[in-house]
């Protein structure tokens, strides 16, 4: 059983937004997959940092949270 459902069509609605984690003090560039309520969180941090490659995939409901910027 897969956590992420397979894509049956070729188009996926994606929203992009920035947010900030107050606990780790890291900004994230996020890709929100609207049809599946999943977000791909990519840290925006200096080159060579320990957490640079820590991309997160989370189940997410965008309507419950405040984010910094949508683009």
PDB file of N, CA and C in Angstrom:
ATOM      1  N   UNK A   1       0.839  -1.171   0.000  1.00  0.00           N
ATOM      2  CA  UNK A   1       0.000   0.000   0.000  1.00  0.00           C
ATOM      3  C   UNK A   1       0.887   1.239   0.000  1.00  0.00           C
ATOM      4  N   UNK A   2       0.548   2.176  -0.841  1.00  0.00           N
ATOM      5  CA  UNK A   2       1.332   3.390  -0.982  1.00  0.00           C
ATOM      6  C   UNK A   2       0.724   4.533  -0.177  1.00  0.00           C
ATOM      7  N   UNK A   3       1.580   5.363   0.376  1.00  0.00           N
ATOM      8  CA  UNK A   3       1.109   6.533   1.119  1.00  0.00           C
ATOM      9  C   UNK A   3       0.590   7.604   0.179  1.00  0.00           C
ATOM     10  N   UNK A   4       1.254   7.754  -0.961  1.00  0.00           N
ATOM     11  CA  UNK A   4       0.859   8.759  -1.945  1.00  0.00           C
ATOM     12  C   UNK A   4       0.079   8.057  -3.047  1.00  0.00           C
ATOM     13  N   UNK A   5      -1.150   8.516  -3.338  1.00  0.00           N
ATOM     14  CA  UNK A   5      -1.943   7.865  -4.378  1.00  0.00           C
ATOM     15  C   UNK A   5      -1.317   8.050  -5.752  1.00  0.00           C
ATOM     16  N   UNK A   6      -1.523   7.086  -6.633  1.00  0.00           N
ATOM     17  CA  UNK A   6      -0.995   7.208  -7.985  1.00  0.00           C
ATOM     18  C   UNK A   6      -1.780   8.266  -8.751  1.00  0.00           C
ATOM     19  N   UNK A   7      -1.107   8.903  -9.687  1.00  0.00           N
ATOM     20  CA  UNK A   7      -1.749   9.945 -10.483  1.00  0.00           C
ATOM     21  C   UNK A   7      -2.426   9.312 -11.680  1.00  0.00           C
ATOM     22  N   UNK A   8      -3.715   9.500 -11.808  1.00  0.00           N
ATOM     23  CA  UNK A   8      -4.452   8.907 -12.911  1.00  0.00           C
ATOM     24  C   UNK A   8      -4.576   9.851 -14.093  1.00  0.00           C
ATOM     25  N   UNK A   9      -4.380  11.136 -13.854  1.00  0.00           N
ATOM     26  CA  UNK A   9      -4.387  12.082 -14.962  1.00  0.00           C
ATOM     27  C   UNK A   9      -3.037  12.784 -14.997  1.00  0.00           C
ATOM     28  N   UNK A  10      -2.782  13.503 -16.066  1.00  0.00           N
ATOM     29  CA  UNK A  10      -1.469  14.104 -16.243  1.00  0.00           C
ATOM     30  C   UNK A  10      -1.346  15.483 -15.616  1.00  0.00           C
ATOM     31  N   UNK A  11      -2.447  16.107 -15.260  1.00  0.00           N
ATOM     32  CA  UNK A  11      -2.363  17.445 -14.680  1.00  0.00           C
ATOM     33  C   UNK A  11      -2.648  17.399 -13.182  1.00  0.00           C
ATOM     34  N   UNK A  12      -1.835  18.109 -12.443  1.00  0.00           N
ATOM     35  CA  UNK A  12      -1.973  18.180 -10.995  1.00  0.00           C
ATOM     36  C   UNK A  12      -1.962  19.658 -10.619  1.00  0.00           C
ATOM     37  N   UNK A  13      -2.909  20.075  -9.778  1.00  0.00           N
ATOM     38  CA  UNK A  13      -2.944  21.462  -9.313  1.00  0.00           C
ATOM     39  C   UNK A  13      -1.903  21.647  -8.223  1.00  0.00           C
ATOM     40  N   UNK A  14      -1.010  22.611  -8.439  1.00  0.00           N
ATOM     41  CA  UNK A  14       0.069  22.867  -7.495  1.00  0.00           C
ATOM     42  C   UNK A  14       0.048  24.340  -7.102  1.00  0.00           C
ATOM     43  N   UNK A  15       0.115  24.606  -5.799  1.00  0.00           N
ATOM     44  CA  UNK A  15       0.272  25.965  -5.286  1.00  0.00           C
ATOM     45  C   UNK A  15       1.647  26.058  -4.652  1.00  0.00           C
ATOM     46  N   UNK A  16       2.236  27.234  -4.746  1.00  0.00           N
ATOM     47  CA  UNK A  16       3.551  27.439  -4.147  1.00  0.00           C
ATOM     48  C   UNK A  16       3.430  28.512  -3.079  1.00  0.00           C
ATOM     49  N   UNK A  17       4.084  28.286  -1.939  1.00  0.00           N
ATOM     50  CA  UNK A  17       4.069  29.286  -0.886  1.00  0.00           C
ATOM     51  C   UNK A  17       5.303  29.151  -0.006  1.00  0.00           C
ATOM     52  N   UNK A  18       5.597  30.213   0.713  1.00  0.00           N
ATOM     53  CA  UNK A  18       6.711  30.235   1.653  1.00  0.00           C
ATOM     54  C   UNK A  18       6.161  30.187   3.062  1.00  0.00           C
ATOM     55  N   UNK A  19       6.847  29.486   3.937  1.00  0.00           N
ATOM     56  CA  UNK A  19       6.492  29.528   5.351  1.00  0.00           C
ATOM     57  C   UNK A  19       7.754  29.482   6.198  1.00  0.00           C
ATOM     58  N   UNK A  20       7.569  29.677   7.487  1.00  0.00           N
ATOM     59  CA  UNK A  20       8.677  29.741   8.429  1.00  0.00           C
ATOM     60  C   UNK A  20       8.360  28.882   9.634  1.00  0.00           C
ATOM     61  N   UNK A  21       9.314  28.068  10.035  1.00  0.00           N
ATOM     62  CA  UNK A  21       9.164  27.235  11.230  1.00  0.00           C
ATOM     63  C   UNK A  21       9.779  27.973  12.415  1.00  0.00           C
ATOM     64  N   UNK A  22       8.945  28.343  13.371  1.00  0.00           N
ATOM     65  CA  UNK A  22       9.445  29.098  14.523  1.00  0.00           C
ATOM     66  C   UNK A  22      10.292  28.240  15.457  1.00  0.00           C
ATOM     67  N   UNK A  23      10.174  26.930  15.368  1.00  0.00           N
ATOM     68  CA  UNK A  23      10.943  26.041  16.247  1.00  0.00           C
ATOM     69  C   UNK A  23      12.374  25.836  15.755  1.00  0.00           C
ATOM     70  N   UNK A  24      12.546  25.715  14.437  1.00  0.00           N
ATOM     71  CA  UNK A  24      13.885  25.504  13.880  1.00  0.00           C
ATOM     72  C   UNK A  24      14.467  26.762  13.255  1.00  0.00           C
ATOM     73  N   UNK A  25      13.648  27.824  13.152  1.00  0.00           N
ATOM     74  CA  UNK A  25      14.053  29.099  12.562  1.00  0.00           C
ATOM     75  C   UNK A  25      14.517  28.919  11.112  1.00  0.00           C
ATOM     76  N   UNK A  26      13.766  28.124  10.342  1.00  0.00           N
ATOM     77  CA  UNK A  26      14.082  27.856   8.941  1.00  0.00           C
ATOM     78  C   UNK A  26      12.894  28.260   8.070  1.00  0.00           C
ATOM     79  N   UNK A  27      13.193  28.934   6.946  1.00  0.00           N
ATOM     80  CA  UNK A  27      12.180  29.242   5.945  1.00  0.00           C
ATOM     81  C   UNK A  27      12.086  28.062   4.982  1.00  0.00           C
ATOM     82  N   UNK A  28      10.869  27.799   4.491  1.00  0.00           N
ATOM     83  CA  UNK A  28      10.646  26.700   3.556  1.00  0.00           C
ATOM     84  C   UNK A  28       9.953  27.192   2.299  1.00  0.00           C
ATOM     85  N   UNK A  29      10.388  26.679   1.157  1.00  0.00           N
ATOM     86  CA  UNK A  29       9.693  26.844  -0.105  1.00  0.00           C
ATOM     87  C   UNK A  29       8.816  25.602  -0.242  1.00  0.00           C
ATOM     88  N   UNK A  30       7.513  25.786  -0.431  1.00  0.00           N
ATOM     89  CA  UNK A  30       6.578  24.669  -0.409  1.00  0.00           C
ATOM     90  C   UNK A  30       5.837  24.511  -1.727  1.00  0.00           C
ATOM     91  N   UNK A  31       5.668  23.284  -2.132  1.00  0.00           N
ATOM     92  CA  UNK A  31       4.815  22.928  -3.269  1.00  0.00           C
ATOM     93  C   UNK A  31       3.638  22.158  -2.700  1.00  0.00           C
ATOM     94  N   UNK A  32       2.455  22.726  -2.835  1.00  0.00           N
ATOM     95  CA  UNK A  32       1.252  22.112  -2.273  1.00  0.00           C
ATOM     96  C   UNK A  32       0.475  21.423  -3.385  1.00  0.00           C
ATOM     97  N   UNK A  33       0.304  20.106  -3.285  1.00  0.00           N
ATOM     98  CA  UNK A  33      -0.459  19.330  -4.260  1.00  0.00           C
ATOM     99  C   UNK A  33      -1.918  19.366  -3.825  1.00  0.00           C
ATOM    100  N   UNK A  34      -2.676  20.267  -4.431  1.00  0.00           N
ATOM    101  CA  UNK A  34      -4.033  20.579  -3.982  1.00  0.00           C
ATOM    102  C   UNK A  34      -4.977  19.386  -4.004  1.00  0.00           C
ATOM    103  N   UNK A  35      -4.905  18.580  -5.024  1.00  0.00           N
ATOM    104  CA  UNK A  35      -5.836  17.453  -5.165  1.00  0.00           C
ATOM    105  C   UNK A  35      -5.610  16.363  -4.117  1.00  0.00           C
ATOM    106  N   UNK A  36      -4.435  16.326  -3.526  1.00  0.00           N
ATOM    107  CA  UNK A  36      -4.081  15.249  -2.600  1.00  0.00           C
ATOM    108  C   UNK A  36      -3.821  15.734  -1.176  1.00  0.00           C
ATOM    109  N   UNK A  37      -3.822  17.054  -0.956  1.00  0.00           N
ATOM    110  CA  UNK A  37      -3.523  17.650   0.353  1.00  0.00           C
ATOM    111  C   UNK A  37      -2.165  17.216   0.891  1.00  0.00           C
ATOM    112  N   UNK A  38      -1.164  17.216   0.014  1.00  0.00           N
ATOM    113  CA  UNK A  38       0.211  16.916   0.398  1.00  0.00           C
ATOM    114  C   UNK A  38       1.062  18.140   0.093  1.00  0.00           C
ATOM    115  N   UNK A  39       2.092  18.359   0.904  1.00  0.00           N
ATOM    116  CA  UNK A  39       3.020  19.453   0.659  1.00  0.00           C
ATOM    117  C   UNK A  39       4.449  18.913   0.643  1.00  0.00           C
ATOM    118  N   UNK A  40       5.235  19.434  -0.288  1.00  0.00           N
ATOM    119  CA  UNK A  40       6.663  19.134  -0.358  1.00  0.00           C
ATOM    120  C   UNK A  40       7.375  20.365   0.182  1.00  0.00           C
ATOM    121  N   UNK A  41       8.060  20.214   1.311  1.00  0.00           N
ATOM    122  CA  UNK A  41       8.716  21.330   2.000  1.00  0.00           C
ATOM    123  C   UNK A  41      10.217  21.267   1.737  1.00  0.00           C
ATOM    124  N   UNK A  42      10.748  22.322   1.097  1.00  0.00           N
ATOM    125  CA  UNK A  42      12.174  22.396   0.779  1.00  0.00           C
ATOM    126  C   UNK A  42      12.788  23.557   1.551  1.00  0.00           C
ATOM    127  N   UNK A  43      13.742  23.298   2.426  1.00  0.00           N
ATOM    128  CA  UNK A  43      14.328  24.380   3.228  1.00  0.00           C
ATOM    129  C   UNK A  43      15.093  25.377   2.368  1.00  0.00           C
ATOM    130  N   UNK A  44      14.943  26.650   2.710  1.00  0.00           N
ATOM    131  CA  UNK A  44      15.696  27.718   2.052  1.00  0.00           C
ATOM    132  C   UNK A  44      16.796  28.112   3.026  1.00  0.00           C
ATOM    133  N   UNK A  45      17.965  27.527   2.839  1.00  0.00           N
ATOM    134  CA  UNK A  45      19.074  27.755   3.758  1.00  0.00           C
ATOM    135  C   UNK A  45      20.371  27.863   2.966  1.00  0.00           C
ATOM    136  N   UNK A  46      21.428  28.364   3.584  1.00  0.00           N
ATOM    137  CA  UNK A  46      22.694  28.550   2.875  1.00  0.00           C
ATOM    138  C   UNK A  46      23.278  27.247   2.326  1.00  0.00           C
ATOM    139  N   UNK A  47      23.976  27.372   1.211  1.00  0.00           N
ATOM    140  CA  UNK A  47      24.661  26.241   0.585  1.00  0.00           C
ATOM    141  C   UNK A  47      25.619  25.596   1.577  1.00  0.00           C
ATOM    142  N   UNK A  48      25.622  24.274   1.653  1.00  0.00           N
ATOM    143  CA  UNK A  48      26.536  23.544   2.518  1.00  0.00           C
ATOM    144  C   UNK A  48      26.030  23.318   3.931  1.00  0.00           C
ATOM    145  N   UNK A  49      24.847  23.798   4.244  1.00  0.00           N
ATOM    146  CA  UNK A  49      24.289  23.606   5.580  1.00  0.00           C
ATOM    147  C   UNK A  49      23.909  22.142   5.776  1.00  0.00           C
ATOM    148  N   UNK A  50      23.910  21.690   7.027  1.00  0.00           N
ATOM    149  CA  UNK A  50      23.581  20.293   7.339  1.00  0.00           C
ATOM    150  C   UNK A  50      22.169  19.913   6.914  1.00  0.00           C
ATOM    151  N   UNK A  51      21.230  20.840   7.021  1.00  0.00           N
ATOM    152  CA  UNK A  51      19.824  20.530   6.724  1.00  0.00           C
ATOM    153  C   UNK A  51      19.425  20.895   5.301  1.00  0.00           C
ATOM    154  N   UNK A  52      20.375  21.217   4.440  1.00  0.00           N
ATOM    155  CA  UNK A  52      20.068  21.657   3.082  1.00  0.00           C
ATOM    156  C   UNK A  52      19.298  20.610   2.282  1.00  0.00           C
ATOM    157  N   UNK A  53      19.606  19.355   2.448  1.00  0.00           N
ATOM    158  CA  UNK A  53      18.984  18.300   1.652  1.00  0.00           C
ATOM    159  C   UNK A  53      17.811  17.626   2.343  1.00  0.00           C
ATOM    160  N   UNK A  54      17.307  18.188   3.417  1.00  0.00           N
ATOM    161  CA  UNK A  54      16.205  17.588   4.160  1.00  0.00           C
ATOM    162  C   UNK A  54      14.857  18.050   3.611  1.00  0.00           C
ATOM    163  N   UNK A  55      14.433  17.445   2.529  1.00  0.00           N
ATOM    164  CA  UNK A  55      13.128  17.742   1.942  1.00  0.00           C
ATOM    165  C   UNK A  55      12.087  16.913   2.670  1.00  0.00           C
ATOM    166  N   UNK A  56      10.965  17.547   3.018  1.00  0.00           N
ATOM    167  CA  UNK A  56       9.917  16.865   3.778  1.00  0.00           C
ATOM    168  C   UNK A  56       8.670  16.708   2.921  1.00  0.00           C
ATOM    169  N   UNK A  57       7.981  15.608   3.101  1.00  0.00           N
ATOM    170  CA  UNK A  57       6.696  15.347   2.459  1.00  0.00           C
ATOM    171  C   UNK A  57       5.691  15.123   3.576  1.00  0.00           C
ATOM    172  N   UNK A  58       4.647  15.968   3.621  1.00  0.00           N
ATOM    173  CA  UNK A  58       3.693  15.897   4.726  1.00  0.00           C
ATOM    174  C   UNK A  58       2.261  15.989   4.215  1.00  0.00           C
ATOM    175  N   UNK A  59       1.376  15.266   4.873  1.00  0.00           N
ATOM    176  CA  UNK A  59      -0.057  15.430   4.654  1.00  0.00           C
ATOM    177  C   UNK A  59      -0.402  16.786   5.243  1.00  0.00           C
ATOM    178  N   UNK A  60      -1.179  17.603   4.525  1.00  0.00           N
ATOM    179  CA  UNK A  60      -1.302  18.999   4.898  1.00  0.00           C
ATOM    180  C   UNK A  60      -2.647  19.552   4.474  1.00  0.00           C
ATOM    181  N   UNK A  61      -3.275  20.325   5.347  1.00  0.00           N
ATOM    182  CA  UNK A  61      -4.504  21.033   5.004  1.00  0.00           C
ATOM    183  C   UNK A  61      -4.176  22.519   5.014  1.00  0.00           C
ATOM    184  N   UNK A  62      -4.053  23.110   3.845  1.00  0.00           N
ATOM    185  CA  UNK A  62      -3.613  24.493   3.699  1.00  0.00           C
ATOM    186  C   UNK A  62      -4.546  25.484   4.389  1.00  0.00           C
ATOM    187  N   UNK A  63      -5.816  25.162   4.509  1.00  0.00           N
ATOM    188  CA  UNK A  63      -6.775  26.101   5.095  1.00  0.00           C
ATOM    189  C   UNK A  63      -6.606  26.268   6.603  1.00  0.00           C
ATOM    190  N   UNK A  64      -5.884  25.383   7.253  1.00  0.00           N
ATOM    191  CA  UNK A  64      -5.710  25.463   8.708  1.00  0.00           C
ATOM    192  C   UNK A  64      -4.501  26.293   9.133  1.00  0.00           C
ATOM    193  N   UNK A  65      -3.671  26.722   8.185  1.00  0.00           N
ATOM    194  CA  UNK A  65      -2.415  27.363   8.532  1.00  0.00           C
ATOM    195  C   UNK A  65      -2.279  28.742   7.904  1.00  0.00           C
ATOM    196  N   UNK A  66      -1.405  29.536   8.504  1.00  0.00           N
ATOM    197  CA  UNK A  66      -1.046  30.837   7.956  1.00  0.00           C
ATOM    198  C   UNK A  66       0.330  30.698   7.327  1.00  0.00           C
ATOM    199  N   UNK A  67       0.487  31.227   6.143  1.00  0.00           N
ATOM    200  CA  UNK A  67       1.776  31.174   5.478  1.00  0.00           C
ATOM    201  C   UNK A  67       2.211  32.588   5.136  1.00  0.00           C
ATOM    202  N   UNK A  68       3.477  32.767   4.793  1.00  0.00           N
ATOM    203  CA  UNK A  68       4.029  34.091   4.571  1.00  0.00           C
ATOM    204  C   UNK A  68       3.676  34.670   3.215  1.00  0.00           C
ATOM    205  N   UNK A  69       3.781  33.859   2.174  1.00  0.00           N
ATOM    206  CA  UNK A  69       3.626  34.373   0.821  1.00  0.00           C
ATOM    207  C   UNK A  69       3.193  33.253  -0.104  1.00  0.00           C
ATOM    208  N   UNK A  70       2.194  33.531  -0.919  1.00  0.00           N
ATOM    209  CA  UNK A  70       1.778  32.586  -1.954  1.00  0.00           C
ATOM    210  C   UNK A  70       2.238  33.142  -3.291  1.00  0.00           C
ATOM    211  N   UNK A  71       2.786  32.297  -4.152  1.00  0.00           N
ATOM    212  CA  UNK A  71       3.222  32.776  -5.471  1.00  0.00           C
ATOM    213  C   UNK A  71       2.999  31.733  -6.531  1.00  0.00           C
TER     214      UNK A  71
END
